Amino acid sequence: MNQTRRSFLQAALAGAGAGLSFAAPEDAGLKITSVRVVKTRPKNPLPVYTPDPGSYWVNREAARPITIYPEYTGRRGAGSKWMPDPAGPMGAITVEVSTNKGLKGYGSGGNGGGPVIDGHLAKLLAGENPLNIERLWDVMWRATLFYGRAGAALHAMSAIDLALWDLAGKVRGVPVYELLGGRTWERIPAYATGNDVEQSVKFGYKKIKLALPHGPGQGKDGLKKNVELVKRTRELLGPDGYIMIDCWMALTEAYTIELAEAVAPYKVFWLEEVLQPDDYEGFGRLNARIDSTLLATGEHEYTRWGFQRLLRYKAVDIWQPEIMWCGGMSEMRHIGSLALANGVPLYPHAGGFPEAIHYLAYYPVITWAETTLPPPGGPDRVYKTFEEQRGVTRGPEGVYFQPPARPGFGWEIEVSN
């Protein structure tokens, strides 16, 4: 390689490493002074009430990988024997990034990210310019490669990355969707996740995602109960509404085929996460065989490289990255670009949460925001507050969400520690 060509490649690689930055001359001297895990509370919390004891969000009976063992059936949520303590070091996290000029950014991340931040990433980012967001993502990625690439390390990176985007919005005085390139959609169609179907229909949703109650371990009786739930949902929703089913990594290939055939009369739009995330070959085989519904996955996939594998194996029809887990807003941009370039529909997991809704408002293809209603049984003020906080409107597609126009992600929170 001659010297001219070598110099050109070195310059190009240096430019690629620099990445996205919102730094401007007037921001000279802006530095990160601390990165820490914090506990927060909303400034205007939902009223406290006792939910209906029969609510899905109280009981949360749902299929999951571990229910092949009978002693682990029952609740899926916090408090179940196999789930981590949400208040402990393995719980989900919120990160605060502070600067020497008093501005702070906040971002959320997934389970187990706290020790990664406290033990590694906090000191790594101290003294850095927080507006060099892409560079800092790459620094964290390279620094955690030997133990990361997925799971808790990416949960930690996601939280920090989102806090940096929130901070950048506050520095510029604009919402995050403006930093991304502006707003493409004024409001985003939403779907409800959860099995309180009557409540969702009454609220106005025309798209409902069910949590599959039973997996292969519950045999034919469990399959029959699954089908009964889908049938009842179709009756309540009507012929034109959308039904999706979240299988949360709990099924086998044979059971998925049997389930798809059994629910075919009820026009299920997609089956979600039917297999464990790393079974790319299994997803590919199912996707080639099942034509009565679409297949979706990605909630537990990480980074552009993971989604590239989904593409290579022709694993699913729909991608569902989770912005608080997959690598944050910076990585969601790369995953979204990959989806756009290959014609893959993108329906992010938890898309109605504050961070993701900014991305959906910008994303140049209309998609849906996943949302969860407060459990039934509360006073009207609970649901009215919920609507106000999320900018809920209604229209031809049912319920719509929109991002707040406040700087950053528009958080209205207080730090409690």
Protein backbone atom coordinates (compact mmCIF):
# COMPACT_ATOMS: atom_id res chain seq x y z
CA MET A 1 0.00 0.00 0.00
CA ASN A 2 1.50 3.38 -0.99
CA GLN A 3 1.79 6.26 1.49
CA THR A 4 -0.98 8.35 -0.08
CA ARG A 5 -3.51 5.51 0.13
CA ARG A 6 -2.44 4.66 3.70
CA SER A 7 -2.86 8.30 4.77
CA PHE A 8 -6.30 8.47 3.17
CA LEU A 9 -7.49 5.30 4.97
CA GLN A 10 -6.12 6.50 8.30
CA ALA A 11 -7.96 9.81 7.94
CA ALA A 12 -11.19 8.05 6.98
CA LEU A 13 -10.99 5.70 9.95
CA ALA A 14 -10.28 8.59 12.29
CA GLY A 15 -13.35 10.39 11.00
CA ALA A 16 -15.52 7.29 11.44
CA GLY A 17 -14.32 6.92 15.03
CA ALA A 18 -15.21 10.52 15.83
CA GLY A 19 -18.88 9.83 15.06
CA LEU A 20 -21.88 11.97 15.92
CA SER A 21 -21.27 15.08 18.02
CA PHE A 22 -23.50 17.96 19.01
CA ALA A 23 -20.55 19.97 20.30
CA ALA A 24 -20.32 23.60 19.17
CA PRO A 25 -17.75 26.33 19.94
CA GLU A 26 -19.94 27.79 22.69
CA ASP A 27 -19.87 24.42 24.45
CA ALA A 28 -16.11 24.50 24.94
CA GLY A 29 -15.21 23.29 28.37
CA LEU A 30 -18.38 21.24 28.95
CA LYS A 31 -17.32 18.11 30.84
CA ILE A 32 -18.90 15.12 32.55
CA THR A 33 -18.35 15.34 36.30
CA SER A 34 -20.25 12.22 37.38
CA VAL A 35 -22.19 9.24 36.09
CA ARG A 36 -24.30 7.52 38.72
CA VAL A 37 -27.28 5.25 39.17
CA VAL A 38 -30.17 7.10 40.82
CA LYS A 39 -33.70 6.49 41.94
CA THR A 40 -36.32 8.82 40.56
CA ARG A 41 -40.01 9.51 41.05
CA PRO A 42 -42.46 11.39 38.83
CA LYS A 43 -43.30 14.94 39.85
CA ASN A 44 -46.93 14.15 39.14
CA PRO A 45 -47.36 10.45 40.01
CA LEU A 46 -50.46 8.46 39.21
CA PRO A 47 -52.86 8.27 42.17
CA VAL A 48 -52.28 5.25 44.40
CA TYR A 49 -55.03 2.62 44.31
CA THR A 50 -55.63 -1.09 44.71
CA PRO A 51 -55.97 -2.68 41.25
CA ASP A 52 -58.67 -5.13 40.35
CA PRO A 53 -57.40 -8.46 41.79
CA GLY A 54 -58.24 -10.24 38.54
CA SER A 55 -56.13 -7.89 36.42
CA TYR A 56 -53.40 -9.31 34.24
CA TRP A 57 -50.91 -6.81 35.69
CA VAL A 58 -51.64 -8.18 39.16
CA ASN A 59 -51.39 -11.87 38.29
CA ARG A 60 -49.14 -11.78 35.20
CA GLU A 61 -49.56 -15.43 34.31
CA ALA A 62 -47.56 -15.84 31.13
CA ALA A 63 -45.38 -18.31 29.28
CA ARG A 64 -41.63 -17.96 29.66
CA PRO A 65 -38.57 -20.16 29.07
CA ILE A 66 -38.33 -21.44 32.63
CA THR A 67 -41.91 -22.75 32.78
CA ILE A 68 -40.82 -26.07 31.35
CA TYR A 69 -40.18 -26.71 35.06
CA PRO A 70 -43.53 -26.85 36.93
CA GLU A 71 -42.23 -25.16 40.08
CA TYR A 72 -41.66 -21.95 38.11
CA THR A 73 -45.14 -21.50 36.63
CA GLY A 74 -47.34 -18.62 37.77
CA ARG A 75 -46.38 -14.94 38.00
CA ARG A 76 -43.83 -13.47 35.62
CA GLY A 77 -43.29 -10.12 37.31
CA ALA A 78 -41.35 -8.79 40.27
CA GLY A 79 -41.79 -10.94 43.35
CA SER A 80 -41.75 -14.25 41.50
CA LYS A 81 -39.09 -16.73 42.63
CA TRP A 82 -37.04 -16.64 39.48
CA MET A 83 -37.03 -12.87 38.80
CA PRO A 84 -34.33 -10.54 40.22
CA ASP A 85 -35.18 -8.15 43.03
CA PRO A 86 -36.13 -4.88 41.26
CA ALA A 87 -34.69 -2.84 44.14
CA GLY A 88 -31.40 -4.75 44.21
CA PRO A 89 -28.23 -4.52 42.08
CA MET A 90 -29.81 -6.70 39.37
CA GLY A 91 -32.83 -4.43 38.92
CA ALA A 92 -33.48 -2.01 36.05
CA ILE A 93 -31.72 1.35 36.36
CA THR A 94 -31.93 5.08 35.80
CA VAL A 95 -28.66 6.93 35.21
CA GLU A 96 -27.85 10.56 35.88
CA VAL A 97 -25.03 12.22 33.93
CA SER A 98 -23.91 15.48 35.53
CA THR A 99 -21.72 18.22 34.04
CA ASN A 100 -19.50 21.03 35.26
CA LYS A 101 -22.08 23.57 34.00
CA GLY A 102 -24.94 22.25 36.11
CA LEU A 103 -26.95 20.50 33.39
CA LYS A 104 -27.93 16.86 33.94
CA GLY A 105 -29.27 14.14 31.69
CA TYR A 106 -31.28 11.04 32.59
CA GLY A 107 -31.70 7.71 30.86
CA SER A 108 -33.11 4.28 31.69
CA GLY A 109 -31.47 0.90 31.24
CA GLY A 110 -32.18 -2.76 31.83
CA ASN A 111 -31.51 -5.34 34.51
CA GLY A 112 -28.03 -5.71 35.93
CA GLY A 113 -26.52 -2.56 34.45
CA GLY A 114 -25.84 -0.85 37.78
CA PRO A 115 -22.64 -2.73 38.73
CA VAL A 116 -21.23 -2.17 35.22
CA ILE A 117 -21.71 1.59 35.61
CA ASP A 118 -20.45 1.81 39.18
CA GLY A 119 -17.51 -0.50 38.62
CA HIS A 120 -16.36 0.56 35.17
CA LEU A 121 -18.16 3.05 32.94
CA ALA A 122 -18.52 5.94 35.41
CA LYS A 123 -14.76 6.42 35.71
CA LEU A 124 -14.29 5.82 31.97
CA LEU A 125 -16.46 8.82 31.04
CA ALA A 126 -15.35 11.26 33.74
CA GLY A 127 -13.95 14.44 32.19
CA GLU A 128 -15.30 13.71 28.69
CA ASN A 129 -17.38 16.11 26.61
CA PRO A 130 -20.92 14.67 26.91
CA LEU A 131 -21.90 15.99 23.48
CA ASN A 132 -19.50 13.64 21.69
CA ILE A 133 -22.19 10.98 21.94
CA GLU A 134 -21.19 8.57 19.18
CA ARG A 135 -17.57 8.66 20.25
CA LEU A 136 -18.51 7.90 23.85
CA TRP A 137 -20.70 4.99 22.72
CA ASP A 138 -17.76 3.55 20.83
CA VAL A 139 -15.45 4.07 23.81
CA MET A 140 -17.88 2.16 26.08
CA TRP A 141 -18.35 -0.58 23.48
CA ARG A 142 -14.64 -1.16 23.00
CA ALA A 143 -13.97 -1.02 26.73
CA THR A 144 -16.59 -3.68 27.53
CA LEU A 145 -16.00 -6.05 24.60
CA PHE A 146 -14.13 -8.58 26.71
CA TYR A 147 -17.12 -9.16 28.99
CA GLY A 148 -20.04 -7.44 27.23
CA ARG A 149 -21.55 -7.28 23.73
CA ALA A 150 -25.02 -8.10 25.16
CA GLY A 151 -26.98 -8.29 28.39
CA ALA A 152 -26.02 -6.22 31.44
CA ALA A 153 -23.16 -4.36 29.75
CA LEU A 154 -25.46 -3.14 26.97
CA HIS A 155 -28.15 -2.32 29.52
CA ALA A 156 -25.64 -0.03 31.23
CA MET A 157 -24.46 1.51 27.96
CA SER A 158 -28.06 2.10 26.88
CA ALA A 159 -28.87 4.04 30.04
CA ILE A 160 -25.79 6.24 29.71
CA ASP A 161 -26.32 6.82 26.01
CA LEU A 162 -29.93 7.87 26.59
CA ALA A 163 -28.84 10.19 29.40
CA LEU A 164 -26.35 11.80 26.99
CA TRP A 165 -29.09 12.38 24.40
CA ASP A 166 -31.32 13.86 27.10
CA LEU A 167 -28.48 16.13 28.15
CA ALA A 168 -27.76 17.18 24.56
CA GLY A 169 -31.41 18.18 24.14
CA LYS A 170 -31.20 20.29 27.28
CA VAL A 171 -27.96 21.93 26.12
CA ARG A 172 -29.58 22.84 22.80
CA GLY A 173 -32.99 23.61 24.36
CA VAL A 174 -34.83 21.21 22.03
CA PRO A 175 -36.58 17.83 22.33
CA VAL A 176 -34.58 14.78 21.28
CA TYR A 177 -36.62 14.27 18.11
CA GLU A 178 -35.23 17.61 16.88
CA LEU A 179 -31.68 16.35 17.44
CA LEU A 180 -32.52 13.25 15.40
CA GLY A 181 -33.57 15.32 12.41
CA GLY A 182 -37.00 16.65 13.24
CA ARG A 183 -40.45 15.26 13.54
CA THR A 184 -41.89 13.14 10.74
CA TRP A 185 -45.16 12.25 12.47
CA GLU A 186 -47.33 14.41 14.71
CA ARG A 187 -48.68 11.38 16.56
CA ILE A 188 -47.89 7.67 16.65
CA PRO A 189 -50.52 4.88 16.52
CA ALA A 190 -50.33 2.81 19.71
CA TYR A 191 -51.15 -0.72 20.74
CA ALA A 192 -51.90 -2.06 24.21
CA THR A 193 -49.92 -4.92 25.72
CA GLY A 194 -51.62 -7.06 28.35
CA ASN A 195 -54.53 -9.40 28.77
CA ASP A 196 -57.02 -6.94 30.29
CA VAL A 197 -58.69 -6.90 26.91
CA GLU A 198 -62.01 -5.37 28.00
CA GLN A 199 -60.18 -2.39 29.52
CA SER A 200 -58.03 -1.87 26.40
CA VAL A 201 -61.03 -1.96 24.07
CA LYS A 202 -62.99 0.43 26.29
CA PHE A 203 -60.03 2.83 26.34
CA GLY A 204 -60.12 2.92 22.54
CA TYR A 205 -57.32 0.62 21.42
CA LYS A 206 -57.79 -1.19 18.11
CA LYS A 207 -54.48 -3.05 18.41
CA ILE A 208 -53.83 -5.42 21.32
CA LYS A 209 -50.87 -7.64 22.12
CA LEU A 210 -51.62 -10.60 24.36
CA ALA A 211 -49.18 -12.30 26.70
CA LEU A 212 -49.40 -15.99 25.86
CA PRO A 213 -50.51 -17.58 29.16
CA HIS A 214 -49.25 -21.13 28.59
CA GLY A 215 -46.27 -22.77 26.94
CA PRO A 216 -45.34 -26.30 25.88
CA GLY A 217 -45.05 -27.44 29.49
CA GLN A 218 -48.80 -27.03 29.94
CA GLY A 219 -49.58 -29.35 27.05
CA LYS A 220 -52.83 -29.56 25.08
CA ASP A 221 -54.87 -28.04 27.90
CA GLY A 222 -52.62 -24.99 27.91
CA LEU A 223 -52.84 -24.67 24.13
CA LYS A 224 -56.63 -24.80 24.34
CA LYS A 225 -56.65 -21.98 26.92
CA ASN A 226 -54.32 -19.92 24.71
CA VAL A 227 -56.70 -20.26 21.78
CA GLU A 228 -59.69 -19.37 23.95
CA LEU A 229 -57.99 -16.09 24.96
CA VAL A 230 -57.29 -15.21 21.31
CA LYS A 231 -60.85 -16.09 20.31
CA ARG A 232 -62.32 -13.92 23.07
CA THR A 233 -60.04 -11.04 22.11
CA ARG A 234 -61.16 -11.23 18.49
CA GLU A 235 -64.80 -11.16 19.59
CA LEU A 236 -64.21 -8.08 21.77
CA LEU A 237 -61.98 -6.28 19.30
CA GLY A 238 -64.07 -6.95 16.21
CA PRO A 239 -63.02 -8.20 12.77
CA ASP A 240 -60.76 -5.28 11.82
CA GLY A 241 -58.61 -4.85 14.93
CA TYR A 242 -55.09 -6.20 15.22
CA ILE A 243 -54.10 -9.03 17.57
CA MET A 244 -50.49 -9.88 18.36
CA ILE A 245 -49.17 -12.57 20.72
CA ASP A 246 -46.05 -12.25 22.88
CA CYS A 247 -44.54 -15.69 23.52
CA TRP A 248 -41.48 -14.38 25.43
CA MET A 249 -38.89 -16.93 24.29
CA ALA A 250 -40.95 -19.82 25.72
CA LEU A 251 -41.86 -22.05 22.78
CA THR A 252 -40.36 -24.79 20.64
CA GLU A 253 -40.51 -24.97 16.86
CA ALA A 254 -43.15 -27.71 16.97
CA TYR A 255 -45.32 -25.84 19.47
CA THR A 256 -45.04 -22.62 17.45
CA ILE A 257 -46.31 -24.38 14.33
CA GLU A 258 -49.18 -25.90 16.30
CA LEU A 259 -50.06 -22.53 17.88
CA ALA A 260 -49.94 -20.70 14.54
CA GLU A 261 -52.34 -23.22 13.02
CA ALA A 262 -54.68 -23.10 16.01
CA VAL A 263 -55.05 -19.30 16.06
CA ALA A 264 -55.11 -18.83 12.27
CA PRO A 265 -58.92 -18.40 12.17
CA TYR A 266 -58.58 -15.31 14.39
CA LYS A 267 -56.21 -13.37 12.10
CA VAL A 268 -53.22 -12.89 14.39
CA PHE A 269 -50.92 -10.21 12.99
CA TRP A 270 -47.69 -11.48 14.53
CA LEU A 271 -46.25 -14.08 16.89
CA GLU A 272 -43.49 -12.51 18.97
CA GLU A 273 -40.29 -14.04 20.34
CA VAL A 274 -41.41 -17.63 19.95
CA LEU A 275 -37.89 -19.05 20.41
CA GLN A 276 -34.86 -18.18 22.50
CA PRO A 277 -33.00 -15.20 21.02
CA ASP A 278 -29.90 -17.03 19.79
CA ASP A 279 -31.80 -19.66 17.80
CA TYR A 280 -31.43 -17.86 14.48
CA GLU A 281 -31.62 -21.08 12.50
CA GLY A 282 -34.84 -22.10 14.25
CA PHE A 283 -36.43 -18.74 13.55
CA GLY A 284 -35.38 -19.05 9.92
CA ARG A 285 -36.97 -22.48 9.59
CA LEU A 286 -40.23 -21.26 11.14
CA ASN A 287 -40.30 -18.13 9.00
CA ALA A 288 -39.97 -20.23 5.86
CA ARG A 289 -42.81 -22.51 6.95
CA ILE A 290 -45.45 -20.33 8.66
CA ASP A 291 -47.55 -18.14 6.39
CA SER A 292 -50.70 -17.60 8.47
CA THR A 293 -49.05 -14.87 10.56
CA LEU A 294 -45.86 -12.82 10.70
CA LEU A 295 -42.97 -13.57 13.05
CA ALA A 296 -41.34 -10.86 15.17
CA THR A 297 -38.38 -10.70 17.54
CA GLY A 298 -35.64 -8.39 18.78
CA GLU A 299 -36.62 -7.38 22.31
CA HIS A 300 -33.67 -9.40 23.60
CA GLU A 301 -31.35 -8.75 20.65
CA TYR A 302 -28.46 -6.31 20.93
CA THR A 303 -26.71 -3.86 18.61
CA ARG A 304 -26.62 -3.58 14.84
CA TRP A 305 -24.54 -6.77 14.67
CA GLY A 306 -27.25 -8.84 16.33
CA PHE A 307 -29.89 -7.53 13.96
CA GLN A 308 -27.57 -8.18 11.05
CA ARG A 309 -27.66 -11.85 12.08
CA LEU A 310 -31.48 -11.79 12.05
CA LEU A 311 -31.24 -10.44 8.52
CA ARG A 312 -28.70 -13.04 7.40
CA TYR A 313 -30.82 -15.95 8.60
CA LYS A 314 -34.07 -14.44 7.28
CA ALA A 315 -35.22 -15.10 10.81
CA VAL A 316 -38.31 -12.92 11.18
CA ASP A 317 -40.53 -10.47 9.37
CA ILE A 318 -40.50 -7.73 12.05
CA TRP A 319 -37.74 -6.31 14.26
CA GLN A 320 -38.43 -5.13 17.82
CA PRO A 321 -35.33 -3.50 19.33
CA GLU A 322 -35.65 -2.22 22.90
CA ILE A 323 -34.01 1.21 23.17
CA MET A 324 -33.21 0.80 26.88
CA TRP A 325 -31.38 -2.49 26.21
CA CYS A 326 -30.07 -2.65 22.64
CA GLY A 327 -27.53 0.17 23.00
CA GLY A 328 -29.60 3.30 23.48
CA MET A 329 -30.63 5.95 20.98
CA SER A 330 -27.28 5.89 19.20
CA GLU A 331 -27.58 2.20 18.43
CA MET A 332 -31.30 2.40 17.68
CA ARG A 333 -30.39 4.79 14.86
CA HIS A 334 -28.07 2.21 13.32
CA ILE A 335 -30.59 -0.62 13.73
CA GLY A 336 -33.32 1.55 12.23
CA SER A 337 -31.13 2.42 9.25
CA LEU A 338 -30.42 -1.27 8.68
CA ALA A 339 -34.15 -1.99 8.80
CA LEU A 340 -34.92 0.80 6.34
CA ALA A 341 -32.23 -0.31 3.92
CA ASN A 342 -33.59 -3.87 3.87
CA GLY A 343 -37.33 -3.18 4.00
CA VAL A 344 -37.82 -4.68 7.45
CA PRO A 345 -40.72 -3.23 9.51
CA LEU A 346 -39.59 -1.84 12.87
CA TYR A 347 -41.94 -2.02 15.86
CA PRO A 348 -39.69 -1.28 18.87
CA HIS A 349 -40.38 -2.99 22.16
CA ALA A 350 -41.71 -0.49 24.73
CA GLY A 351 -42.01 2.03 21.90
CA GLY A 352 -44.44 4.19 23.86
CA PHE A 353 -41.96 4.89 26.65
CA PRO A 354 -40.48 8.43 26.81
CA GLU A 355 -37.17 7.65 25.13
CA ALA A 356 -38.48 5.50 22.28
CA ILE A 357 -41.44 7.71 21.36
CA HIS A 358 -39.00 10.45 20.29
CA TYR A 359 -37.39 8.00 17.89
CA LEU A 360 -40.73 6.88 16.48
CA ALA A 361 -41.79 10.50 15.90
CA TYR A 362 -38.65 10.98 13.80
CA TYR A 363 -38.44 7.58 12.07
CA PRO A 364 -39.39 8.05 8.40
CA VAL A 365 -41.76 5.06 8.26
CA ILE A 366 -44.91 5.11 10.37
CA THR A 367 -44.88 2.42 13.03
CA TRP A 368 -46.65 1.64 16.31
CA ALA A 369 -45.88 2.50 19.91
CA GLU A 370 -46.19 -0.31 22.44
CA THR A 371 -48.02 0.89 25.57
CA THR A 372 -49.42 -0.49 28.82
CA LEU A 373 -52.42 0.90 30.62
CA PRO A 374 -52.50 1.30 34.41
CA PRO A 375 -54.31 -1.79 35.76
CA PRO A 376 -58.11 -1.65 35.94
CA GLY A 377 -59.80 -0.78 39.22
CA GLY A 378 -58.55 2.76 39.75
CA PRO A 379 -60.43 6.05 39.87
CA ASP A 380 -60.98 7.99 36.64
CA ARG A 381 -58.17 10.38 37.60
CA VAL A 382 -55.60 7.59 37.15
CA TYR A 383 -56.41 7.14 33.49
CA LYS A 384 -56.91 10.85 32.82
CA THR A 385 -53.45 11.57 34.25
CA PHE A 386 -52.04 8.75 32.14
CA GLU A 387 -53.55 10.34 29.01
CA GLU A 388 -52.24 13.79 29.85
CA GLN A 389 -48.70 12.59 30.53
CA ARG A 390 -48.46 10.73 27.23
CA GLY A 391 -50.32 13.10 24.95
CA VAL A 392 -53.02 10.54 24.17
CA THR A 393 -55.42 11.28 21.33
CA ARG A 394 -57.81 9.06 19.39
CA GLY A 395 -58.55 8.59 15.73
CA PRO A 396 -59.04 6.07 12.93
CA GLU A 397 -56.32 3.73 14.25
CA GLY A 398 -57.57 3.89 17.82
CA VAL A 399 -55.20 5.37 20.40
CA TYR A 400 -52.23 7.59 19.53
CA PHE A 401 -49.23 8.79 21.58
CA GLN A 402 -46.90 11.71 21.01
CA PRO A 403 -43.61 12.84 22.55
CA PRO A 404 -43.42 15.89 24.81
CA ALA A 405 -41.98 19.07 23.28
CA ARG A 406 -39.87 19.89 26.35
CA PRO A 407 -36.04 19.81 26.00
CA GLY A 408 -34.39 16.41 26.04
CA PHE A 409 -36.79 13.55 26.59
CA GLY A 410 -39.10 15.88 28.50
CA TRP A 411 -38.67 14.16 31.84
CA GLU A 412 -40.77 15.46 34.72
CA ILE A 413 -39.02 13.61 37.51
CA GLU A 414 -37.33 14.17 40.85
CA VAL A 415 -34.24 12.34 42.08
CA SER A 416 -34.93 10.60 45.38
CA ASN A 417 -31.36 9.64 46.33
